Amino acid sequence: MDNCKYSEGDKDGVADGQADEVRPGMRPRDQMALLAASCLLLSVLAGMLPDTVLPAAYRTTGWAVFALLALAVMYFAFPHMWFYGLWLAGIWGASVFGLQLLLLGGERLFANYWAAAGIGLLMELAAIFLIYTLLMRIRIARSVLESRAPLGLWLLVVLSFFVLCVSSGAGLALWSAGGHPAALGLYGISESLLSLAAVYICWAPEESVWSGAGTAKAEQAPAAPLESPGGGLLKRMAARKEAAAPKVCPACGAGLKGVPLRCPSCGKASEVLWCAASESYVAPCPACNAPTLTSERQCIRCGAPSPGLSCPSCGKASPAREWRPGG
């Protein structure tokens, strides 16, 4: 493969100076998770503002805009888990609106209470099925990636998410029926906790299962022997050897496939490694030269920012999404 040049000397440089370096401040993924949670909380706030502060049309627009912004942030923060944010939205919708039908009987929608209650019960069962499917899919992902990361707290948060959905639906139904302030408070508190739980449900598996599996694979790999510094600069430069391109994914261990892609800068085609299991291209990290996933915002081994794919012809790096298929 042309654009995957792995140098043992680069790995030694990381081992000497960068491996034990502690980067101060919050990591980019954690910052984006905090931003997503803030957007969801603003969405809740926008939806609860009284008519005297903001008309209903503007409230609904603000609620939807902040919710979509949160999903967009999660798309970049959690490349493997953002899709399950849509699942959580489906669980929330089925549970909250199903409970409205169960408690209020549909009001204007259904003349027969039992018809509304039956549909509401089906929606609650659909929410439970989505939760069960989410748990099974993460369990399968842990098995495929051979991850042993503990997810006990994550499981409790997922179950609590459904309980909070029911609490939110009950508060909304009681508020619609009687308008008691306590019911609106129950709805607001439940929605705020749901916002934080949704971000954590996506963050925890991304951090411990996908990223954690890649880090474990890198740590289990045999370390390159350190060469003696003697002999002068020219001798050490001549002793540097290129490592063979990886045959398996550094994150999940699945086999890699070469895919021809065309550089967006110079237009020349080169072969890039693709992992179907991780749904990501694999390229050398510019800092430590170890193979890493281009779908991650940072190297799964050393944590350095990932610029994407580097072209072997022009030497320019660009995000993988800008490369186009080419023979």
Protein backbone atom coordinates (compact mmCIF):
# COMPACT_ATOMS: atom_id res chain seq x y z
CA MET A 1 0.00 0.00 0.00
CA ASP A 2 1.47 3.31 -1.14
CA ASN A 3 0.24 5.73 1.47
CA CYS A 4 0.81 3.60 4.59
CA LYS A 5 4.50 4.09 5.43
CA TYR A 6 5.22 2.85 8.92
CA SER A 7 8.56 3.67 10.49
CA GLU A 8 9.96 1.99 13.55
CA GLY A 9 12.03 5.07 14.28
CA ASP A 10 8.87 7.16 14.58
CA LYS A 11 7.49 4.73 17.15
CA ASP A 12 10.74 4.95 19.13
CA GLY A 13 10.46 8.73 19.17
CA VAL A 14 7.00 8.49 20.69
CA ALA A 15 8.21 5.96 23.25
CA ASP A 16 11.06 8.31 24.24
CA GLY A 17 9.20 11.59 24.48
CA GLN A 18 5.44 11.42 23.94
CA ALA A 19 4.12 8.18 25.42
CA ASP A 20 4.17 9.45 29.01
CA GLU A 21 3.20 13.02 28.18
CA VAL A 22 0.08 14.18 30.01
CA ARG A 23 -2.14 16.51 28.03
CA PRO A 24 -3.82 19.06 30.29
CA GLY A 25 -7.45 20.03 29.92
CA MET A 26 -10.53 18.21 28.73
CA ARG A 27 -10.30 15.89 25.75
CA PRO A 28 -12.09 16.86 22.52
CA ARG A 29 -14.60 14.00 22.79
CA ASP A 30 -15.51 15.01 26.34
CA GLN A 31 -15.86 18.64 25.26
CA MET A 32 -18.22 17.65 22.46
CA ALA A 33 -20.20 15.43 24.84
CA LEU A 34 -20.61 18.40 27.17
CA LEU A 35 -21.71 20.54 24.22
CA ALA A 36 -24.29 17.93 23.16
CA ALA A 37 -25.69 17.76 26.69
CA SER A 38 -25.90 21.58 26.79
CA CYS A 39 -27.83 21.63 23.50
CA LEU A 40 -30.30 19.06 24.82
CA LEU A 41 -30.81 21.03 28.02
CA LEU A 42 -31.42 24.19 25.99
CA SER A 43 -33.93 22.22 23.94
CA VAL A 44 -35.80 21.28 27.12
CA LEU A 45 -35.69 24.89 28.33
CA ALA A 46 -36.98 26.22 25.01
CA GLY A 47 -39.89 23.78 25.07
CA MET A 48 -40.93 24.74 28.62
CA LEU A 49 -40.94 28.51 28.27
CA PRO A 50 -44.40 30.04 28.97
CA ASP A 51 -46.43 31.76 26.26
CA THR A 52 -45.80 35.10 27.92
CA VAL A 53 -42.08 34.73 27.24
CA LEU A 54 -42.10 33.04 23.82
CA PRO A 55 -44.94 32.12 21.45
CA ALA A 56 -45.65 28.42 20.91
CA ALA A 57 -44.33 28.42 17.33
CA TYR A 58 -40.96 29.81 18.44
CA ARG A 59 -40.81 27.39 21.37
CA THR A 60 -41.33 24.42 19.09
CA THR A 61 -38.74 25.73 16.64
CA GLY A 62 -36.18 26.28 19.40
CA TRP A 63 -36.87 22.83 20.85
CA ALA A 64 -36.30 21.17 17.46
CA VAL A 65 -33.25 23.25 16.50
CA PHE A 66 -31.36 22.59 19.73
CA ALA A 67 -32.23 18.88 19.55
CA LEU A 68 -30.87 18.66 15.98
CA LEU A 69 -27.74 20.55 17.01
CA ALA A 70 -27.19 18.01 19.79
CA LEU A 71 -27.52 15.15 17.30
CA ALA A 72 -25.07 16.85 14.93
CA VAL A 73 -22.51 17.23 17.73
CA MET A 74 -22.98 13.58 18.71
CA TYR A 75 -22.38 12.57 15.09
CA PHE A 76 -18.84 13.95 15.29
CA ALA A 77 -18.20 13.03 18.91
CA PHE A 78 -19.40 9.42 18.77
CA PRO A 79 -18.80 8.01 15.25
CA HIS A 80 -19.97 4.51 16.27
CA MET A 81 -22.72 5.43 18.73
CA TRP A 82 -24.36 8.59 17.36
CA PHE A 83 -26.93 6.53 15.46
CA TYR A 84 -28.24 5.19 18.74
CA GLY A 85 -29.15 8.76 19.64
CA LEU A 86 -31.97 8.31 17.12
CA TRP A 87 -32.90 5.08 18.90
CA LEU A 88 -33.08 6.94 22.20
CA ALA A 89 -35.30 9.56 20.56
CA GLY A 90 -37.57 6.75 19.37
CA ILE A 91 -37.66 5.24 22.87
CA TRP A 92 -38.51 8.65 24.33
CA GLY A 93 -41.25 9.33 21.77
CA ALA A 94 -42.87 5.91 22.05
CA SER A 95 -42.81 5.95 25.84
CA VAL A 96 -43.92 9.56 26.43
CA PHE A 97 -46.69 9.68 23.84
CA GLY A 98 -47.77 6.12 24.57
CA LEU A 99 -48.30 7.12 28.18
CA GLN A 100 -50.38 10.10 27.06
CA LEU A 101 -52.74 7.69 25.32
CA LEU A 102 -52.85 5.40 28.33
CA LEU A 103 -53.56 8.14 30.87
CA LEU A 104 -55.62 10.60 28.82
CA GLY A 105 -57.26 8.24 26.37
CA GLY A 106 -56.24 10.23 23.36
CA GLU A 107 -58.74 13.00 24.21
CA ARG A 108 -59.60 14.44 20.78
CA LEU A 109 -57.88 11.72 18.78
CA PHE A 110 -59.97 8.74 19.92
CA ALA A 111 -63.57 8.57 21.00
CA ASN A 112 -63.03 5.14 22.52
CA TYR A 113 -60.63 5.08 25.49
CA TRP A 114 -59.71 1.43 25.01
CA ALA A 115 -58.59 2.04 21.43
CA ALA A 116 -56.27 4.80 22.64
CA ALA A 117 -55.05 2.69 25.57
CA GLY A 118 -54.31 -0.25 23.26
CA ILE A 119 -52.22 1.89 20.94
CA GLY A 120 -50.48 3.45 23.93
CA LEU A 121 -49.63 0.02 25.34
CA LEU A 122 -48.20 -1.03 21.97
CA MET A 123 -46.02 2.07 21.95
CA GLU A 124 -44.71 1.28 25.44
CA LEU A 125 -43.89 -2.28 24.33
CA ALA A 126 -42.11 -0.86 21.28
CA ALA A 127 -39.98 1.33 23.57
CA ILE A 128 -39.06 -1.68 25.69
CA PHE A 129 -38.16 -3.66 22.57
CA LEU A 130 -35.88 -0.85 21.38
CA ILE A 131 -34.10 -0.85 24.74
CA TYR A 132 -33.64 -4.61 24.57
CA THR A 133 -32.27 -4.35 21.02
CA LEU A 134 -29.86 -1.59 22.08
CA LEU A 135 -28.52 -3.77 24.91
CA MET A 136 -28.07 -6.75 22.56
CA ARG A 137 -26.27 -4.71 19.89
CA ILE A 138 -23.76 -3.31 22.39
CA ARG A 139 -23.27 -6.80 23.78
CA ILE A 140 -22.51 -8.09 20.27
CA ALA A 141 -20.12 -5.19 19.67
CA ARG A 142 -18.22 -6.03 22.87
CA SER A 143 -17.95 -9.64 21.73
CA VAL A 144 -16.74 -8.76 18.22
CA LEU A 145 -14.20 -6.22 19.53
CA GLU A 146 -13.16 -8.59 22.34
CA SER A 147 -13.73 -5.81 24.85
CA ARG A 148 -13.88 -6.51 28.56
CA ALA A 149 -14.74 -2.96 29.54
CA PRO A 150 -17.23 -2.87 32.43
CA LEU A 151 -20.60 -1.43 31.42
CA GLY A 152 -22.57 -2.00 34.60
CA LEU A 153 -23.20 1.70 35.17
CA TRP A 154 -24.12 2.11 31.50
CA LEU A 155 -26.73 -0.67 31.85
CA LEU A 156 -28.26 1.07 34.87
CA VAL A 157 -28.40 4.36 32.96
CA VAL A 158 -30.14 2.68 30.01
CA LEU A 159 -32.78 1.18 32.31
CA SER A 160 -33.10 4.51 34.12
CA PHE A 161 -33.62 6.19 30.75
CA PHE A 162 -36.86 4.25 30.25
CA VAL A 163 -37.98 5.01 33.82
CA LEU A 164 -37.31 8.71 33.24
CA CYS A 165 -39.29 8.55 29.99
CA VAL A 166 -42.25 7.17 31.91
CA SER A 167 -41.82 9.84 34.58
CA SER A 168 -41.67 12.55 31.94
CA GLY A 169 -44.77 11.22 30.21
CA ALA A 170 -46.65 11.06 33.50
CA GLY A 171 -45.69 14.64 34.36
CA LEU A 172 -46.77 15.86 30.94
CA ALA A 173 -50.08 13.99 31.15
CA LEU A 174 -50.86 15.32 34.64
CA TRP A 175 -49.95 18.83 33.56
CA SER A 176 -52.22 18.56 30.51
CA ALA A 177 -55.09 17.22 32.64
CA GLY A 178 -54.93 19.53 35.65
CA GLY A 179 -52.14 22.01 35.10
CA HIS A 180 -50.60 21.52 38.53
CA PRO A 181 -47.13 23.14 38.83
CA ALA A 182 -45.73 20.01 40.51
CA ALA A 183 -46.53 17.98 37.39
CA LEU A 184 -44.67 20.47 35.21
CA GLY A 185 -41.73 20.31 37.62
CA LEU A 186 -41.71 16.52 37.37
CA TYR A 187 -41.69 16.80 33.59
CA GLY A 188 -38.85 19.36 33.57
CA ILE A 189 -36.63 17.41 35.97
CA SER A 190 -37.21 14.16 34.07
CA GLU A 191 -36.41 15.78 30.73
CA SER A 192 -33.22 17.35 32.08
CA LEU A 193 -32.02 14.01 33.45
CA LEU A 194 -32.97 12.34 30.16
CA SER A 195 -30.73 14.81 28.29
CA LEU A 196 -27.72 13.90 30.43
CA ALA A 197 -28.51 10.18 30.29
CA ALA A 198 -28.80 10.20 26.48
CA VAL A 199 -25.32 11.68 26.07
CA TYR A 200 -23.81 9.25 28.58
CA ILE A 201 -25.47 6.25 26.87
CA CYS A 202 -23.70 7.20 23.63
CA TRP A 203 -20.44 8.30 25.26
CA ALA A 204 -19.70 5.28 27.47
CA PRO A 205 -19.60 2.50 24.80
CA GLU A 206 -17.75 4.78 22.37
CA GLU A 207 -15.12 5.44 25.01
CA SER A 208 -14.77 2.01 26.61
CA VAL A 209 -15.76 -0.46 23.86
CA TRP A 210 -14.56 1.05 20.58
CA SER A 211 -11.73 3.35 21.69
CA GLY A 212 -10.85 1.10 24.62
CA ALA A 213 -10.55 -1.94 22.35
CA GLY A 214 -8.16 -0.07 20.06
CA THR A 215 -6.00 1.02 22.97
CA ALA A 216 -5.88 -2.53 24.36
CA LYS A 217 -4.84 -3.91 20.96
CA ALA A 218 -2.07 -1.34 20.70
CA GLU A 219 -0.83 -2.08 24.21
CA GLN A 220 -0.77 -5.84 23.56
CA ALA A 221 1.31 -5.42 20.40
CA PRO A 222 5.00 -6.32 20.91
CA ALA A 223 7.15 -3.26 21.39
CA ALA A 224 9.81 -2.50 18.83
CA PRO A 225 13.36 -3.05 20.12
CA LEU A 226 15.22 0.14 20.94
CA GLU A 227 18.31 0.63 18.84
CA SER A 228 21.56 1.88 20.24
CA PRO A 229 22.06 5.64 19.72
CA GLY A 230 25.71 5.12 18.86
CA GLY A 231 27.15 5.37 15.37
CA GLY A 232 26.13 8.91 14.45
CA LEU A 233 23.10 10.39 12.76
CA LEU A 234 23.68 8.89 9.31
CA LYS A 235 24.02 5.37 10.74
CA ARG A 236 20.81 5.70 12.74
CA MET A 237 18.93 7.05 9.72
CA ALA A 238 20.14 4.12 7.62
CA ALA A 239 19.03 1.69 10.32
CA ARG A 240 15.41 2.88 10.21
CA LYS A 241 13.23 0.23 8.58
CA GLU A 242 9.71 0.51 7.29
CA ALA A 243 7.26 -1.79 9.03
CA ALA A 244 4.90 -3.82 6.88
CA ALA A 245 1.40 -2.43 6.42
CA PRO A 246 -1.01 -3.89 8.99
CA LYS A 247 -3.11 -6.86 7.95
CA VAL A 248 -5.71 -6.52 10.71
CA CYS A 249 -7.64 -3.58 12.16
CA PRO A 250 -5.90 -2.02 15.18
CA ALA A 251 -9.27 -1.55 16.89
CA CYS A 252 -11.22 -4.77 16.33
CA GLY A 253 -8.68 -7.20 14.84
CA ALA A 254 -10.72 -7.84 11.68
CA GLY A 255 -9.00 -8.31 8.33
CA LEU A 256 -8.31 -5.24 6.20
CA LYS A 257 -9.07 -4.73 2.52
CA GLY A 258 -7.27 -2.42 0.13
CA VAL A 259 -9.56 0.13 -1.52
CA PRO A 260 -8.40 2.48 -4.32
CA LEU A 261 -9.18 6.12 -3.51
CA ARG A 262 -8.36 9.35 -5.31
CA CYS A 263 -6.68 12.25 -3.52
CA PRO A 264 -8.84 15.41 -3.41
CA SER A 265 -5.75 17.63 -3.81
CA CYS A 266 -3.80 16.13 -6.71
CA GLY A 267 -6.34 13.64 -8.09
CA LYS A 268 -3.96 10.68 -8.07
CA ALA A 269 -5.24 7.29 -6.88
CA SER A 270 -3.66 5.15 -4.17
CA GLU A 271 -4.70 2.13 -2.16
CA VAL A 272 -6.13 2.71 1.32
CA LEU A 273 -6.86 0.06 3.92
CA TRP A 274 -10.52 -0.38 4.91
CA CYS A 275 -12.00 -2.20 7.93
CA ALA A 276 -15.57 -3.33 7.29
CA ALA A 277 -16.17 -4.21 10.95
CA SER A 278 -15.16 -0.80 12.30
CA GLU A 279 -16.48 0.97 9.17
CA SER A 280 -13.34 3.07 8.93
CA TYR A 281 -10.19 3.50 6.89
CA VAL A 282 -6.88 2.65 8.55
CA ALA A 283 -3.87 4.92 8.11
CA PRO A 284 -0.63 5.66 9.99
CA CYS A 285 -0.73 8.28 12.73
CA PRO A 286 1.45 11.28 11.78
CA ALA A 287 2.77 11.47 15.36
CA CYS A 288 3.58 7.88 16.33
CA ASN A 289 3.25 6.18 12.90
CA ALA A 290 1.09 3.44 14.41
CA PRO A 291 -2.01 2.36 12.45
CA THR A 292 -5.16 4.14 13.59
CA LEU A 293 -8.76 4.64 12.47
CA THR A 294 -9.52 7.71 10.38
CA SER A 295 -13.05 7.76 11.84
CA GLU A 296 -11.54 8.70 15.20
CA ARG A 297 -10.65 12.32 15.85
CA GLN A 298 -7.42 11.23 17.54
CA CYS A 299 -4.94 8.37 17.34
CA ILE A 300 -6.15 5.32 19.27
CA ARG A 301 -2.61 4.73 20.49
CA CYS A 302 -1.00 8.08 21.37
CA GLY A 303 -4.02 10.41 21.32
CA ALA A 304 -2.57 12.83 18.76
CA PRO A 305 -5.08 14.60 16.44
CA SER A 306 -5.76 12.68 13.25
CA PRO A 307 -5.68 14.74 10.00
CA GLY A 308 -7.20 11.92 7.93
CA LEU A 309 -5.50 10.31 4.94
CA SER A 310 -2.13 11.41 3.55
CA CYS A 311 -1.51 11.24 -0.18
CA PRO A 312 1.78 9.46 -1.12
CA SER A 313 2.03 11.57 -4.29
CA CYS A 314 1.53 15.15 -3.11
CA GLY A 315 1.99 14.56 0.61
CA LYS A 316 -1.11 16.51 1.59
CA ALA A 317 -3.46 15.21 4.30
CA SER A 318 -7.22 15.60 4.07
CA PRO A 319 -10.29 14.05 5.77
CA ALA A 320 -11.26 10.60 4.51
CA ARG A 321 -14.74 11.82 3.52
CA GLU A 322 -13.13 14.08 0.85
CA TRP A 323 -11.43 11.18 -0.94
CA ARG A 324 -13.31 9.65 -3.86
CA PRO A 325 -13.25 6.12 -5.31
CA GLY A 326 -10.75 5.75 -8.11
CA GLY A 327 -8.86 2.99 -9.88
